[in-house]
PDB file of N, CA and C in Angstrom:
ATOM      1  N   UNK A   1      18.694 144.769 137.461  1.00  0.00           N
ATOM      2  CA  UNK A   1      17.407 145.363 136.962  1.00  0.00           C
ATOM      3  C   UNK A   1      17.085 145.288 135.379  1.00  0.00           C
ATOM      4  N   UNK A   2      18.117 145.884 134.681  1.00  0.00           N
ATOM      5  CA  UNK A   2      18.245 145.740 133.280  1.00  0.00           C
ATOM      6  C   UNK A   2      19.488 144.908 132.775  1.00  0.00           C
ATOM      7  N   UNK A   3      19.305 144.137 131.963  1.00  0.00           N
ATOM      8  CA  UNK A   3      20.311 143.167 131.280  1.00  0.00           C
ATOM      9  C   UNK A   3      21.047 144.213 130.344  1.00  0.00           C
ATOM     10  N   UNK A   4      22.272 144.790 130.542  1.00  0.00           N
ATOM     11  CA  UNK A   4      23.110 145.796 129.694  1.00  0.00           C
ATOM     12  C   UNK A   4      23.377 145.257 128.620  1.00  0.00           C
ATOM     13  N   UNK A   5      23.623 143.858 128.315  1.00  0.00           N
ATOM     14  CA  UNK A   5      23.815 143.109 127.304  1.00  0.00           C
ATOM     15  C   UNK A   5      22.573 143.140 126.221  1.00  0.00           C
ATOM     16  N   UNK A   6      21.644 143.357 126.297  1.00  0.00           N
ATOM     17  CA  UNK A   6      20.419 143.200 125.722  1.00  0.00           C
ATOM     18  C   UNK A   6      19.899 144.703 125.128  1.00  0.00           C
ATOM     19  N   UNK A   7      20.491 145.390 126.174  1.00  0.00           N
ATOM     20  CA  UNK A   7      19.975 147.123 125.627  1.00  0.00           C
ATOM     21  C   UNK A   7      21.041 147.553 124.508  1.00  0.00           C
ATOM     22  N   UNK A   8      21.923 147.347 124.476  1.00  0.00           N
ATOM     23  CA  UNK A   8      22.894 147.736 123.535  1.00  0.00           C
ATOM     24  C   UNK A   8      23.107 149.515 123.721  1.00  0.00           C
ATOM     25  N   UNK A   9      22.462 149.916 124.495  1.00  0.00           N
ATOM     26  CA  UNK A   9      22.676 151.384 124.746  1.00  0.00           C
ATOM     27  C   UNK A   9      22.042 152.499 123.702  1.00  0.00           C
ATOM     28  N   UNK A  10      21.105 151.672 123.244  1.00  0.00           N
ATOM     29  CA  UNK A  10      19.961 152.566 122.205  1.00  0.00           C
ATOM     30  C   UNK A  10      20.541 152.740 120.816  1.00  0.00           C
ATOM     31  N   UNK A  11      21.598 151.962 120.668  1.00  0.00           N
ATOM     32  CA  UNK A  11      22.477 152.278 119.419  1.00  0.00           C
ATOM     33  C   UNK A  11      21.599 151.351 118.338  1.00  0.00           C
ATOM     34  N   UNK A  12      21.081 150.081 118.576  1.00  0.00           N
ATOM     35  CA  UNK A  12      20.624 149.328 117.749  1.00  0.00           C
ATOM     36  C   UNK A  12      19.253 149.238 117.756  1.00  0.00           C
ATOM     37  N   UNK A  13      18.626 149.944 116.790  1.00  0.00           N
ATOM     38  CA  UNK A  13      17.083 149.972 116.722  1.00  0.00           C
ATOM     39  C   UNK A  13      16.820 150.416 115.326  1.00  0.00           C
ATOM     40  N   UNK A  14      15.235 150.642 115.151  1.00  0.00           N
ATOM     41  CA  UNK A  14      14.698 150.822 113.745  1.00  0.00           C
ATOM     42  C   UNK A  14      13.781 152.194 114.165  1.00  0.00           C
ATOM     43  N   UNK A  15      14.273 153.069 115.038  1.00  0.00           N
ATOM     44  CA  UNK A  15      13.664 154.385 115.184  1.00  0.00           C
ATOM     45  C   UNK A  15      13.631 155.315 113.994  1.00  0.00           C
ATOM     46  N   UNK A  16      14.855 155.341 113.298  1.00  0.00           N
ATOM     47  CA  UNK A  16      14.689 156.274 111.987  1.00  0.00           C
ATOM     48  C   UNK A  16      15.494 155.274 110.704  1.00  0.00           C
ATOM     49  N   UNK A  17      15.878 156.025 109.808  1.00  0.00           N
ATOM     50  CA  UNK A  17      16.353 155.105 108.595  1.00  0.00           C
ATOM     51  C   UNK A  17      17.697 154.704 109.064  1.00  0.00           C
ATOM     52  N   UNK A  18      18.453 155.807 109.587  1.00  0.00           N
ATOM     53  CA  UNK A  18      19.981 155.469 109.652  1.00  0.00           C
ATOM     54  C   UNK A  18      20.314 154.331 110.486  1.00  0.00           C
ATOM     55  N   UNK A  19      19.633 154.498 111.697  1.00  0.00           N
ATOM     56  CA  UNK A  19      19.716 153.448 112.712  1.00  0.00           C
ATOM     57  C   UNK A  19      19.224 151.982 112.160  1.00  0.00           C
ATOM     58  N   UNK A  20      18.302 152.155 111.453  1.00  0.00           N
ATOM     59  CA  UNK A  20      17.739 150.916 110.746  1.00  0.00           C
ATOM     60  C   UNK A  20      18.690 150.425 109.981  1.00  0.00           C
ATOM     61  N   UNK A  21      19.390 151.151 109.084  1.00  0.00           N
ATOM     62  CA  UNK A  21      20.552 150.308 108.208  1.00  0.00           C
ATOM     63  C   UNK A  21      21.284 150.056 108.946  1.00  0.00           C
ATOM     64  N   UNK A  22      22.071 150.513 110.219  1.00  0.00           N
ATOM     65  CA  UNK A  22      23.034 150.265 110.674  1.00  0.00           C
ATOM     66  C   UNK A  22      22.847 148.950 111.308  1.00  0.00           C
ATOM     67  N   UNK A  23      21.333 148.802 111.841  1.00  0.00           N
ATOM     68  CA  UNK A  23      21.229 147.673 112.829  1.00  0.00           C
ATOM     69  C   UNK A  23      21.071 146.482 111.480  1.00  0.00           C
ATOM     70  N   UNK A  24      20.406 146.675 110.386  1.00  0.00           N
ATOM     71  CA  UNK A  24      20.535 145.757 108.881  1.00  0.00           C
ATOM     72  C   UNK A  24      22.130 145.247 108.853  1.00  0.00           C
ATOM     73  N   UNK A  25      22.749 146.327 108.598  1.00  0.00           N
ATOM     74  CA  UNK A  25      24.207 145.817 108.414  1.00  0.00           C
ATOM     75  C   UNK A  25      24.820 145.166 109.525  1.00  0.00           C
ATOM     76  N   UNK A  26      24.647 145.461 110.925  1.00  0.00           N
ATOM     77  CA  UNK A  26      25.050 144.587 111.892  1.00  0.00           C
ATOM     78  C   UNK A  26      24.571 143.160 111.888  1.00  0.00           C
ATOM     79  N   UNK A  27      23.301 142.841 111.475  1.00  0.00           N
ATOM     80  CA  UNK A  27      22.833 141.570 111.475  1.00  0.00           C
ATOM     81  C   UNK A  27      23.213 140.875 110.144  1.00  0.00           C
ATOM     82  N   UNK A  28      23.483 141.540 109.053  1.00  0.00           N
ATOM     83  CA  UNK A  28      24.242 141.106 107.818  1.00  0.00           C
ATOM     84  C   UNK A  28      25.686 140.470 108.102  1.00  0.00           C
ATOM     85  N   UNK A  29      26.368 141.404 108.772  1.00  0.00           N
ATOM     86  CA  UNK A  29      27.818 141.108 109.003  1.00  0.00           C
ATOM     87  C   UNK A  29      28.035 140.030 110.443  1.00  0.00           C
ATOM     88  N   UNK A  30      26.911 139.493 110.739  1.00  0.00           N
ATOM     89  CA  UNK A  30      26.610 138.421 111.718  1.00  0.00           C
ATOM     90  C   UNK A  30      27.234 139.134 113.055  1.00  0.00           C
ATOM     91  N   UNK A  31      27.361 140.127 113.218  1.00  0.00           N
ATOM     92  CA  UNK A  31      27.974 140.876 114.630  1.00  0.00           C
ATOM     93  C   UNK A  31      26.704 141.066 115.461  1.00  0.00           C
ATOM     94  N   UNK A  32      26.577 140.268 116.647  1.00  0.00           N
ATOM     95  CA  UNK A  32      25.450 140.514 117.370  1.00  0.00           C
ATOM     96  C   UNK A  32      24.066 140.307 116.952  1.00  0.00           C
ATOM     97  N   UNK A  33      23.934 139.649 116.234  1.00  0.00           N
ATOM     98  CA  UNK A  33      22.593 139.672 115.492  1.00  0.00           C
ATOM     99  C   UNK A  33      21.740 138.576 116.403  1.00  0.00           C
ATOM    100  N   UNK A  34      22.138 137.728 117.305  1.00  0.00           N
ATOM    101  CA  UNK A  34      21.450 137.106 118.268  1.00  0.00           C
ATOM    102  C   UNK A  34      20.954 138.034 119.484  1.00  0.00           C
ATOM    103  N   UNK A  35      21.614 139.003 119.638  1.00  0.00           N
ATOM    104  CA  UNK A  35      21.167 139.922 120.643  1.00  0.00           C
ATOM    105  C   UNK A  35      19.918 140.754 120.146  1.00  0.00           C
ATOM    106  N   UNK A  36      20.058 141.193 119.005  1.00  0.00           N
ATOM    107  CA  UNK A  36      18.990 141.658 118.342  1.00  0.00           C
ATOM    108  C   UNK A  36      17.515 140.886 118.247  1.00  0.00           C
ATOM    109  N   UNK A  37      17.909 139.733 117.896  1.00  0.00           N
ATOM    110  CA  UNK A  37      16.761 138.703 118.055  1.00  0.00           C
ATOM    111  C   UNK A  37      16.103 138.346 119.230  1.00  0.00           C
ATOM    112  N   UNK A  38      17.149 138.511 120.207  1.00  0.00           N
ATOM    113  CA  UNK A  38      16.234 138.337 121.582  1.00  0.00           C
ATOM    114  C   UNK A  38      15.673 139.397 121.834  1.00  0.00           C
ATOM    115  N   UNK A  39      16.110 140.700 121.378  1.00  0.00           N
ATOM    116  CA  UNK A  39      15.567 141.955 121.877  1.00  0.00           C
ATOM    117  C   UNK A  39      13.954 142.136 121.218  1.00  0.00           C
ATOM    118  N   UNK A  40      14.066 141.540 119.749  1.00  0.00           N
ATOM    119  CA  UNK A  40      13.085 141.624 118.728  1.00  0.00           C
ATOM    120  C   UNK A  40      11.522 140.593 119.586  1.00  0.00           C
ATOM    121  N   UNK A  41      12.319 139.405 119.826  1.00  0.00           N
ATOM    122  CA  UNK A  41      11.331 138.866 120.565  1.00  0.00           C
ATOM    123  C   UNK A  41      10.639 139.154 121.821  1.00  0.00           C
ATOM    124  N   UNK A  42      11.177 140.163 122.543  1.00  0.00           N
ATOM    125  CA  UNK A  42      10.632 140.697 123.627  1.00  0.00           C
ATOM    126  C   UNK A  42       9.473 141.715 123.297  1.00  0.00           C
ATOM    127  N   UNK A  43       9.895 142.190 122.061  1.00  0.00           N
ATOM    128  CA  UNK A  43       8.560 143.251 121.779  1.00  0.00           C
ATOM    129  C   UNK A  43       7.654 142.831 120.895  1.00  0.00           C
ATOM    130  N   UNK A  44       7.850 141.616 120.060  1.00  0.00           N
ATOM    131  CA  UNK A  44       6.925 140.876 119.297  1.00  0.00           C
ATOM    132  C   UNK A  44       6.979 139.502 119.467  1.00  0.00           C
ATOM    133  N   UNK A  45       5.901 138.737 118.685  1.00  0.00           N
ATOM    134  CA  UNK A  45       5.889 137.342 118.718  1.00  0.00           C
ATOM    135  C   UNK A  45       7.184 136.886 118.515  1.00  0.00           C
ATOM    136  N   UNK A  46       7.632 135.899 119.310  1.00  0.00           N
ATOM    137  CA  UNK A  46       8.919 135.130 119.312  1.00  0.00           C
ATOM    138  C   UNK A  46       9.287 134.669 117.732  1.00  0.00           C
ATOM    139  N   UNK A  47       7.984 134.108 117.294  1.00  0.00           N
ATOM    140  CA  UNK A  47       8.496 133.164 115.954  1.00  0.00           C
ATOM    141  C   UNK A  47       8.748 134.177 114.962  1.00  0.00           C
ATOM    142  N   UNK A  48       8.211 135.422 115.064  1.00  0.00           N
ATOM    143  CA  UNK A  48       8.188 136.379 114.019  1.00  0.00           C
ATOM    144  C   UNK A  48       9.678 136.974 113.816  1.00  0.00           C
ATOM    145  N   UNK A  49      10.295 137.258 115.309  1.00  0.00           N
ATOM    146  CA  UNK A  49      11.455 137.956 115.467  1.00  0.00           C
ATOM    147  C   UNK A  49      12.724 136.807 114.565  1.00  0.00           C
ATOM    148  N   UNK A  50      12.220 135.318 115.266  1.00  0.00           N
ATOM    149  CA  UNK A  50      13.371 134.312 114.804  1.00  0.00           C
ATOM    150  C   UNK A  50      13.232 134.223 113.451  1.00  0.00           C
ATOM    151  N   UNK A  51      12.123 134.154 112.645  1.00  0.00           N
ATOM    152  CA  UNK A  51      12.008 134.245 111.129  1.00  0.00           C
ATOM    153  C   UNK A  51      12.430 135.239 110.645  1.00  0.00           C
ATOM    154  N   UNK A  52      12.395 136.689 110.995  1.00  0.00           N
ATOM    155  CA  UNK A  52      12.977 137.559 110.673  1.00  0.00           C
ATOM    156  C   UNK A  52      14.360 137.817 110.607  1.00  0.00           C
ATOM    157  N   UNK A  53      14.987 137.570 111.636  1.00  0.00           N
ATOM    158  CA  UNK A  53      16.310 137.595 111.802  1.00  0.00           C
ATOM    159  C   UNK A  53      16.944 136.326 111.029  1.00  0.00           C
ATOM    160  N   UNK A  54      16.431 135.253 111.053  1.00  0.00           N
ATOM    161  CA  UNK A  54      17.259 134.055 109.989  1.00  0.00           C
ATOM    162  C   UNK A  54      17.175 134.488 108.700  1.00  0.00           C
ATOM    163  N   UNK A  55      15.873 134.609 108.175  1.00  0.00           N
ATOM    164  CA  UNK A  55      15.998 135.278 106.806  1.00  0.00           C
ATOM    165  C   UNK A  55      17.038 136.233 106.404  1.00  0.00           C
ATOM    166  N   UNK A  56      17.032 137.535 107.272  1.00  0.00           N
ATOM    167  CA  UNK A  56      18.056 138.442 107.175  1.00  0.00           C
ATOM    168  C   UNK A  56      19.550 137.898 106.918  1.00  0.00           C
ATOM    169  N   UNK A  57      19.844 137.024 108.017  1.00  0.00           N
ATOM    170  CA  UNK A  57      21.118 136.511 107.925  1.00  0.00           C
ATOM    171  C   UNK A  57      21.403 135.527 106.802  1.00  0.00           C
ATOM    172  N   UNK A  58      20.352 134.637 106.372  1.00  0.00           N
ATOM    173  CA  UNK A  58      20.654 133.938 105.502  1.00  0.00           C
ATOM    174  C   UNK A  58      20.707 134.719 104.161  1.00  0.00           C
ATOM    175  N   UNK A  59      19.815 135.445 103.785  1.00  0.00           N
ATOM    176  CA  UNK A  59      19.623 136.318 102.489  1.00  0.00           C
ATOM    177  C   UNK A  59      20.620 137.279 102.444  1.00  0.00           C
ATOM    178  N   UNK A  60      20.690 138.020 103.789  1.00  0.00           N
ATOM    179  CA  UNK A  60      21.949 139.203 103.890  1.00  0.00           C
ATOM    180  C   UNK A  60      23.228 138.607 103.991  1.00  0.00           C
ATOM    181  N   UNK A  61      23.615 137.840 104.557  1.00  0.00           N
ATOM    182  CA  UNK A  61      24.998 137.772 104.728  1.00  0.00           C
ATOM    183  C   UNK A  61      25.657 136.348 103.860  1.00  0.00           C
ATOM    184  N   UNK A  62      24.886 135.552 103.400  1.00  0.00           N
ATOM    185  CA  UNK A  62      25.251 134.511 102.739  1.00  0.00           C
ATOM    186  C   UNK A  62      25.158 134.706 101.204  1.00  0.00           C
ATOM    187  N   UNK A  63      24.256 135.422 100.876  1.00  0.00           N
ATOM    188  CA  UNK A  63      24.124 135.874  99.487  1.00  0.00           C
ATOM    189  C   UNK A  63      24.421 137.246  99.203  1.00  0.00           C
ATOM    190  N   UNK A  64      23.699 138.149  99.569  1.00  0.00           N
ATOM    191  CA  UNK A  64      23.749 139.805  99.350  1.00  0.00           C
ATOM    192  C   UNK A  64      25.121 140.121  99.661  1.00  0.00           C
ATOM    193  N   UNK A  65      26.075 139.884 100.603  1.00  0.00           N
ATOM    194  CA  UNK A  65      27.141 140.207 101.150  1.00  0.00           C
ATOM    195  C   UNK A  65      28.149 139.702  99.997  1.00  0.00           C
ATOM    196  N   UNK A  66      27.935 138.468  99.689  1.00  0.00           N
ATOM    197  CA  UNK A  66      28.939 137.775  98.687  1.00  0.00           C
ATOM    198  C   UNK A  66      28.554 138.296  97.369  1.00  0.00           C
ATOM    199  N   UNK A  67      27.509 138.949  96.996  1.00  0.00           N
ATOM    200  CA  UNK A  67      27.061 139.537  95.682  1.00  0.00           C
ATOM    201  C   UNK A  67      28.088 141.057  95.653  1.00  0.00           C
ATOM    202  N   UNK A  68      27.904 141.737  96.541  1.00  0.00           N
ATOM    203  CA  UNK A  68      28.493 142.655  96.924  1.00  0.00           C
ATOM    204  C   UNK A  68      30.145 142.746  96.977  1.00  0.00           C
ATOM    205  N   UNK A  69      30.521 141.850  97.611  1.00  0.00           N
ATOM    206  CA  UNK A  69      32.184 141.538  97.352  1.00  0.00           C
ATOM    207  C   UNK A  69      32.460 141.028  95.874  1.00  0.00           C
ATOM    208  N   UNK A  70      31.619 140.277  95.219  1.00  0.00           N
ATOM    209  CA  UNK A  70      31.665 139.822  93.978  1.00  0.00           C
ATOM    210  C   UNK A  70      31.936 141.280  92.934  1.00  0.00           C
ATOM    211  N   UNK A  71      30.975 142.261  93.159  1.00  0.00           N
ATOM    212  CA  UNK A  71      31.060 143.554  92.300  1.00  0.00           C
ATOM    213  C   UNK A  71      32.139 144.206  92.659  1.00  0.00           C
ATOM    214  N   UNK A  72      32.702 144.279  94.102  1.00  0.00           N
ATOM    215  CA  UNK A  72      33.907 145.002  94.087  1.00  0.00           C
ATOM    216  C   UNK A  72      35.092 144.275  93.926  1.00  0.00           C
ATOM    217  N   UNK A  73      35.316 143.012  93.740  1.00  0.00           N
ATOM    218  CA  UNK A  73      36.092 142.257  92.872  1.00  0.00           C
ATOM    219  C   UNK A  73      36.210 142.494  91.273  1.00  0.00           C
ATOM    220  N   UNK A  74      35.040 142.449  90.732  1.00  0.00           N
ATOM    221  CA  UNK A  74      35.033 142.942  89.456  1.00  0.00           C
ATOM    222  C   UNK A  74      35.545 143.919  89.080  1.00  0.00           C
ATOM    223  N   UNK A  75      35.278 145.130  89.993  1.00  0.00           N
ATOM    224  CA  UNK A  75      35.626 146.422  89.594  1.00  0.00           C
ATOM    225  C   UNK A  75      37.269 146.516  89.824  1.00  0.00           C
ATOM    226  N   UNK A  76      37.801 145.730  90.700  1.00  0.00           N
ATOM    227  CA  UNK A  76      39.267 145.604  91.007  1.00  0.00           C
ATOM    228  C   UNK A  76      39.945 144.772  89.447  1.00  0.00           C
ATOM    229  N   UNK A  77      39.386 144.103  88.968  1.00  0.00           N
ATOM    230  CA  UNK A  77      39.817 143.295  87.976  1.00  0.00           C
ATOM    231  C   UNK A  77      39.820 144.071  86.706  1.00  0.00           C
ATOM    232  N   UNK A  78      38.725 145.363  86.513  1.00  0.00           N
ATOM    233  CA  UNK A  78      38.451 146.016  85.579  1.00  0.00           C
ATOM    234  C   UNK A  78      39.878 147.066  85.675  1.00  0.00           C
ATOM    235  N   UNK A  79      40.064 147.652  86.574  1.00  0.00           N
ATOM    236  CA  UNK A  79      40.932 148.616  86.783  1.00  0.00           C
ATOM    237  C   UNK A  79      42.308 147.843  86.476  1.00  0.00           C
ATOM    238  N   UNK A  80      42.579 146.584  87.179  1.00  0.00           N
ATOM    239  CA  UNK A  80      44.000 146.143  86.744  1.00  0.00           C
ATOM    240  C   UNK A  80      44.301 146.038  85.278  1.00  0.00           C
ATOM    241  N   UNK A  81      43.070 145.587  84.549  1.00  0.00           N
ATOM    242  CA  UNK A  81      43.102 145.478  83.132  1.00  0.00           C
ATOM    243  C   UNK A  81      43.519 146.604  82.468  1.00  0.00           C
ATOM    244  N   UNK A  82      42.785 147.742  83.056  1.00  0.00           N
ATOM    245  CA  UNK A  82      43.004 149.055  82.349  1.00  0.00           C
ATOM    246  C   UNK A  82      44.719 149.722  82.598  1.00  0.00           C
ATOM    247  N   UNK A  83      45.200 149.313  83.674  1.00  0.00           N
ATOM    248  CA  UNK A  83      46.550 149.524  83.789  1.00  0.00           C
ATOM    249  C   UNK A  83      47.343 148.803  82.982  1.00  0.00           C
ATOM    250  N   UNK A  84      47.058 147.587  82.892  1.00  0.00           N
ATOM    251  CA  UNK A  84      47.949 146.709  81.774  1.00  0.00           C
ATOM    252  C   UNK A  84      48.026 147.273  80.626  1.00  0.00           C
ATOM    253  N   UNK A  85      46.711 147.525  80.081  1.00  0.00           N
ATOM    254  CA  UNK A  85      46.558 148.211  78.615  1.00  0.00           C
ATOM    255  C   UNK A  85      47.449 149.472  78.559  1.00  0.00           C
ATOM    256  N   UNK A  86      47.152 150.421  79.657  1.00  0.00           N
ATOM    257  CA  UNK A  86      48.029 151.731  79.655  1.00  0.00           C
ATOM    258  C   UNK A  86      49.724 151.171  79.853  1.00  0.00           C
ATOM    259  N   UNK A  87      49.930 150.289  80.459  1.00  0.00           N
ATOM    260  CA  UNK A  87      51.368 149.827  80.422  1.00  0.00           C
ATOM    261  C   UNK A  87      51.842 149.351  79.186  1.00  0.00           C
ATOM    262  N   UNK A  88      51.081 148.673  78.466  1.00  0.00           N
ATOM    263  CA  UNK A  88      51.299 147.955  77.195  1.00  0.00           C
ATOM    264  C   UNK A  88      51.395 149.207  76.122  1.00  0.00           C
ATOM    265  N   UNK A  89      50.752 150.257  76.051  1.00  0.00           N
ATOM    266  CA  UNK A  89      50.559 151.252  75.240  1.00  0.00           C
ATOM    267  C   UNK A  89      51.878 152.052  75.429  1.00  0.00           C
ATOM    268  N   UNK A  90      52.261 152.228  76.857  1.00  0.00           N
ATOM    269  CA  UNK A  90      53.306 152.962  77.106  1.00  0.00           C
ATOM    270  C   UNK A  90      54.783 152.324  76.707  1.00  0.00           C
ATOM    271  N   UNK A  91      54.709 151.062  76.791  1.00  0.00           N
ATOM    272  CA  UNK A  91      55.910 150.314  76.194  1.00  0.00           C
ATOM    273  C   UNK A  91      55.919 150.402  74.638  1.00  0.00           C
ATOM    274  N   UNK A  92      54.834 150.395  73.977  1.00  0.00           N
ATOM    275  CA  UNK A  92      54.665 150.252  72.592  1.00  0.00           C
ATOM    276  C   UNK A  92      55.309 151.738  72.139  1.00  0.00           C
ATOM    277  N   UNK A  93      54.774 152.753  72.743  1.00  0.00           N
ATOM    278  CA  UNK A  93      55.213 154.080  72.233  1.00  0.00           C
ATOM    279  C   UNK A  93      56.754 154.430  72.613  1.00  0.00           C
ATOM    280  N   UNK A  94      57.426 153.623  73.937  1.00  0.00           N
ATOM    281  CA  UNK A  94      58.676 154.128  74.291  1.00  0.00           C
ATOM    282  C   UNK A  94      59.666 153.237  72.945  1.00  0.00           C
ATOM    283  N   UNK A  95      58.981 152.058  72.506  1.00  0.00           N
ATOM    284  CA  UNK A  95      59.911 151.359  71.523  1.00  0.00           C
ATOM    285  C   UNK A  95      59.908 152.032  70.434  1.00  0.00           C
ATOM    286  N   UNK A  96      58.674 152.679  69.892  1.00  0.00           N
ATOM    287  CA  UNK A  96      58.569 153.630  68.750  1.00  0.00           C
ATOM    288  C   UNK A  96      59.325 154.583  68.967  1.00  0.00           C
ATOM    289  N   UNK A  97      59.451 155.466  69.806  1.00  0.00           N
ATOM    290  CA  UNK A  97      60.366 156.528  70.051  1.00  0.00           C
ATOM    291  C   UNK A  97      61.813 156.088  69.900  1.00  0.00           C
ATOM    292  N   UNK A  98      62.115 154.934  70.720  1.00  0.00           N
ATOM    293  CA  UNK A  98      63.558 154.607  70.327  1.00  0.00           C
ATOM    294  C   UNK A  98      63.660 154.200  68.921  1.00  0.00           C
ATOM    295  N   UNK A  99      62.837 153.451  68.304  1.00  0.00           N
ATOM    296  CA  UNK A  99      63.169 153.522  66.648  1.00  0.00           C
ATOM    297  C   UNK A  99      63.291 154.774  65.872  1.00  0.00           C
ATOM    298  N   UNK A 100      62.341 155.602  66.351  1.00  0.00           N
ATOM    299  CA  UNK A 100      62.554 156.944  65.447  1.00  0.00           C
ATOM    300  C   UNK A 100      63.708 157.486  65.886  1.00  0.00           C
ATOM    301  N   UNK A 101      64.426 157.329  66.969  1.00  0.00           N
ATOM    302  CA  UNK A 101      65.529 158.164  67.342  1.00  0.00           C
ATOM    303  C   UNK A 101      66.782 157.405  66.921  1.00  0.00           C
ATOM    304  N   UNK A 102      66.781 156.323  66.374  1.00  0.00           N
ATOM    305  CA  UNK A 102      67.828 155.340  66.034  1.00  0.00           C
ATOM    306  C   UNK A 102      68.382 154.249  67.026  1.00  0.00           C
ATOM    307  N   UNK A 103      67.984 154.310  68.149  1.00  0.00           N
ATOM    308  CA  UNK A 103      68.686 153.387  68.978  1.00  0.00           C
ATOM    309  C   UNK A 103      68.169 152.093  68.626  1.00  0.00           C
ATOM    310  N   UNK A 104      69.278 151.226  68.959  1.00  0.00           N
ATOM    311  CA  UNK A 104      68.650 149.776  68.737  1.00  0.00           C
ATOM    312  C   UNK A 104      67.960 149.362  69.832  1.00  0.00           C
ATOM    313  N   UNK A 105      66.831 148.489  69.185  1.00  0.00           N
ATOM    314  CA  UNK A 105      65.596 147.864  69.805  1.00  0.00           C
ATOM    315  C   UNK A 105      65.631 146.830  69.952  1.00  0.00           C
ATOM    316  N   UNK A 106      65.639 145.710  70.846  1.00  0.00           N
ATOM    317  CA  UNK A 106      65.313 144.281  70.523  1.00  0.00           C
ATOM    318  C   UNK A 106      64.189 143.919  71.187  1.00  0.00           C
ATOM    319  N   UNK A 107      63.915 142.635  71.194  1.00  0.00           N
ATOM    320  CA  UNK A 107      62.544 142.502  71.571  1.00  0.00           C
ATOM    321  C   UNK A 107      62.491 142.373  73.009  1.00  0.00           C
ATOM    322  N   UNK A 108      63.502 142.074  74.010  1.00  0.00           N
ATOM    323  CA  UNK A 108      63.207 142.255  75.181  1.00  0.00           C
ATOM    324  C   UNK A 108      62.846 143.545  75.726  1.00  0.00           C
ATOM    325  N   UNK A 109      63.303 144.722  75.089  1.00  0.00           N
ATOM    326  CA  UNK A 109      63.101 146.164  75.395  1.00  0.00           C
ATOM    327  C   UNK A 109      61.572 146.337  75.180  1.00  0.00           C
TER     328      UNK A 109
END
């Protein structure tokens, strides 16, 4: 009667903003986007669904997803740099305390 693989149990749709965002995210991550394309081609002109899905895959997956990952990696690099600065400041403070209290300080410590 119905092809269960194409129905996707009503999860993948554009009925509201939440389901639409989930659907777009699914296409961008390349998980089951071809099933969505076939579902769209059943309800609209086939060329329109193919162009929509291919543009979404090309722009979303190969460009937008990489930009998002680059922003996340940049944030991790900033945090790592801040941690290095804090660690260097703590070492300098500890060295100064050792000098103030008369401990022998070498360049290694």
